[in-house]
C-alpha cells in the first residue's frame, strides 16, 4: 500500500483506511475518493473526503485525521494511482 502522507490538499486522491466500524456504511464498499475540504484545528488537520459513486452524487464523509488516509487509490485493474 502507498505510504501515508501528512498535508493533503483539496483534490488529492486518497484511500480511507480501516477500521470502518464507526464510519458511514458506504466506506465498507468504497474506500477511494478525493479530498473535498481541509479543516485545521489546533496543530492538526482533518480531511473531508468526497466519494464518486454515491446517490446523491459526490457524498462527503469525514472528517478523518491524516493517519486514516493513504495517498492514491487502486484502479479497476489493481494498479496503484497517485497524482
C-alpha atoms as a PDB file:
ATOM      1  CA  UNK A   1       0.000   0.000   0.000  1.00  0.00           C
ATOM      2  CA  UNK A   2       1.151   3.558  -0.632  1.00  0.00           C
ATOM      3  CA  UNK A   3       2.913   5.391   2.150  1.00  0.00           C
ATOM      4  CA  UNK A   4       0.848   7.604   4.414  1.00  0.00           C
ATOM      5  CA  UNK A   5       1.388  11.295   4.000  1.00  0.00           C
ATOM      6  CA  UNK A   6       0.607  14.396   6.041  1.00  0.00           C
ATOM      7  CA  UNK A   7      -0.531  17.550   4.339  1.00  0.00           C
ATOM      8  CA  UNK A   8      -3.182  16.571   1.820  1.00  0.00           C
ATOM      9  CA  UNK A   9      -4.758  19.296  -0.290  1.00  0.00           C
ATOM     10  CA  UNK A  10      -8.191  19.633  -1.899  1.00  0.00           C
ATOM     11  CA  UNK A  11      -8.418  17.381  -4.952  1.00  0.00           C
ATOM     12  CA  UNK A  12      -5.817  14.800  -3.825  1.00  0.00           C
ATOM     13  CA  UNK A  13      -6.738  11.163  -4.498  1.00  0.00           C
ATOM     14  CA  UNK A  14      -6.870   9.220  -1.226  1.00  0.00           C
ATOM     15  CA  UNK A  15      -7.859   5.893   0.263  1.00  0.00           C
ATOM     16  CA  UNK A  16      -9.678   5.870   3.601  1.00  0.00           C
ATOM     17  CA  UNK A  17      -8.040   3.157   5.718  1.00  0.00           C
ATOM     18  CA  UNK A  18      -9.854   0.764   8.084  1.00  0.00           C
ATOM     19  CA  UNK A  19     -11.336   0.211  10.582  1.00  0.00           C
ATOM     20  CA  UNK A  20     -14.691   1.282   9.125  1.00  0.00           C
ATOM     21  CA  UNK A  21     -16.938   0.245  12.023  1.00  0.00           C
ATOM     22  CA  UNK A  22     -17.645   3.856  13.133  1.00  0.00           C
ATOM     23  CA  UNK A  23     -17.758   5.322   9.617  1.00  0.00           C
ATOM     24  CA  UNK A  24     -20.699   5.667   7.222  1.00  0.00           C
ATOM     25  CA  UNK A  25     -21.643   2.247   5.830  1.00  0.00           C
ATOM     26  CA  UNK A  26     -20.681   3.223   2.261  1.00  0.00           C
ATOM     27  CA  UNK A  27     -16.984   3.138   3.258  1.00  0.00           C
ATOM     28  CA  UNK A  28     -17.205  -0.644   3.648  1.00  0.00           C
ATOM     29  CA  UNK A  29     -17.513  -0.774  -0.150  1.00  0.00           C
ATOM     30  CA  UNK A  30     -15.996   2.440  -1.459  1.00  0.00           C
ATOM     31  CA  UNK A  31     -12.692   3.404   0.173  1.00  0.00           C
ATOM     32  CA  UNK A  32     -11.396   5.724  -2.548  1.00  0.00           C
ATOM     33  CA  UNK A  33     -12.147   9.403  -3.023  1.00  0.00           C
ATOM     34  CA  UNK A  34     -10.762  12.908  -3.251  1.00  0.00           C
ATOM     35  CA  UNK A  35     -10.024  15.426  -0.538  1.00  0.00           C
ATOM     36  CA  UNK A  36     -13.023  17.798  -0.548  1.00  0.00           C
ATOM     37  CA  UNK A  37     -12.075  20.065   2.367  1.00  0.00           C
ATOM     38  CA  UNK A  38      -9.284  20.588   4.874  1.00  0.00           C
ATOM     39  CA  UNK A  39     -10.098  21.582   8.449  1.00  0.00           C
ATOM     40  CA  UNK A  40      -7.393  22.988  10.727  1.00  0.00           C
ATOM     41  CA  UNK A  41      -7.855  22.506  14.488  1.00  0.00           C
ATOM     42  CA  UNK A  42      -5.052  23.419  16.897  1.00  0.00           C
ATOM     43  CA  UNK A  43      -1.900  21.837  15.395  1.00  0.00           C
ATOM     44  CA  UNK A  44      -3.713  19.088  13.480  1.00  0.00           C
ATOM     45  CA  UNK A  45      -5.583  18.923  10.206  1.00  0.00           C
ATOM     46  CA  UNK A  46      -8.567  16.744   9.386  1.00  0.00           C
ATOM     47  CA  UNK A  47      -9.970  15.977   5.975  1.00  0.00           C
ATOM     48  CA  UNK A  48     -13.398  15.592   4.381  1.00  0.00           C
ATOM     49  CA  UNK A  49     -13.410  13.015   1.570  1.00  0.00           C
ATOM     50  CA  UNK A  50     -15.739  13.119  -1.418  1.00  0.00           C
ATOM     51  CA  UNK A  51     -16.820   9.748  -2.840  1.00  0.00           C
ATOM     52  CA  UNK A  52     -17.634   9.455  -6.548  1.00  0.00           C
ATOM     53  CA  UNK A  53     -20.169   6.626  -6.818  1.00  0.00           C
ATOM     54  CA  UNK A  54     -22.861   7.598  -4.345  1.00  0.00           C
ATOM     55  CA  UNK A  55     -26.500   8.602  -4.509  1.00  0.00           C
ATOM     56  CA  UNK A  56     -26.814  11.526  -4.239  1.00  0.00           C
ATOM     57  CA  UNK A  57     -23.553  12.050  -6.175  1.00  0.00           C
ATOM     58  CA  UNK A  58     -20.286  13.116  -4.561  1.00  0.00           C
ATOM     59  CA  UNK A  59     -21.192  12.393  -0.954  1.00  0.00           C
ATOM     60  CA  UNK A  60     -18.762  13.824   1.587  1.00  0.00           C
ATOM     61  CA  UNK A  61     -17.654  11.735   4.561  1.00  0.00           C
ATOM     62  CA  UNK A  62     -15.370  12.527   7.459  1.00  0.00           C
ATOM     63  CA  UNK A  63     -13.598  14.358   8.881  1.00  0.00           C
ATOM     64  CA  UNK A  64     -10.627  11.984   9.024  1.00  0.00           C
ATOM     65  CA  UNK A  65      -7.207  12.543  10.573  1.00  0.00           C
ATOM     66  CA  UNK A  66      -4.254  12.185   8.192  1.00  0.00           C
ATOM     67  CA  UNK A  67      -3.400   8.795   9.766  1.00  0.00           C
ATOM     68  CA  UNK A  68      -6.635   7.307   8.384  1.00  0.00           C
ATOM     69  CA  UNK A  69      -5.723   8.256   4.811  1.00  0.00           C
ATOM     70  CA  UNK A  70      -3.253   6.917   2.255  1.00  0.00           C
ATOM     71  CA  UNK A  71      -2.282   8.942  -0.792  1.00  0.00           C
ATOM     72  CA  UNK A  72      -3.689   7.454  -4.013  1.00  0.00           C
ATOM     73  CA  UNK A  73      -6.033   4.586  -4.857  1.00  0.00           C
ATOM     74  CA  UNK A  74      -6.248   1.413  -6.920  1.00  0.00           C
ATOM     75  CA  UNK A  75      -7.854   1.384 -10.339  1.00  0.00           C
ATOM     76  CA  UNK A  76     -10.076  -1.474 -11.545  1.00  0.00           C
ATOM     77  CA  UNK A  77      -7.077  -3.431 -12.825  1.00  0.00           C
ATOM     78  CA  UNK A  78      -5.380  -3.243  -9.417  1.00  0.00           C
ATOM     79  CA  UNK A  79      -2.745  -0.622 -10.277  1.00  0.00           C
ATOM     80  CA  UNK A  80      -1.974   1.953  -7.589  1.00  0.00           C
ATOM     81  CA  UNK A  81      -2.624   5.503  -8.799  1.00  0.00           C
ATOM     82  CA  UNK A  82      -1.127   8.614  -7.223  1.00  0.00           C
ATOM     83  CA  UNK A  83      -1.416  12.084  -8.712  1.00  0.00           C
END
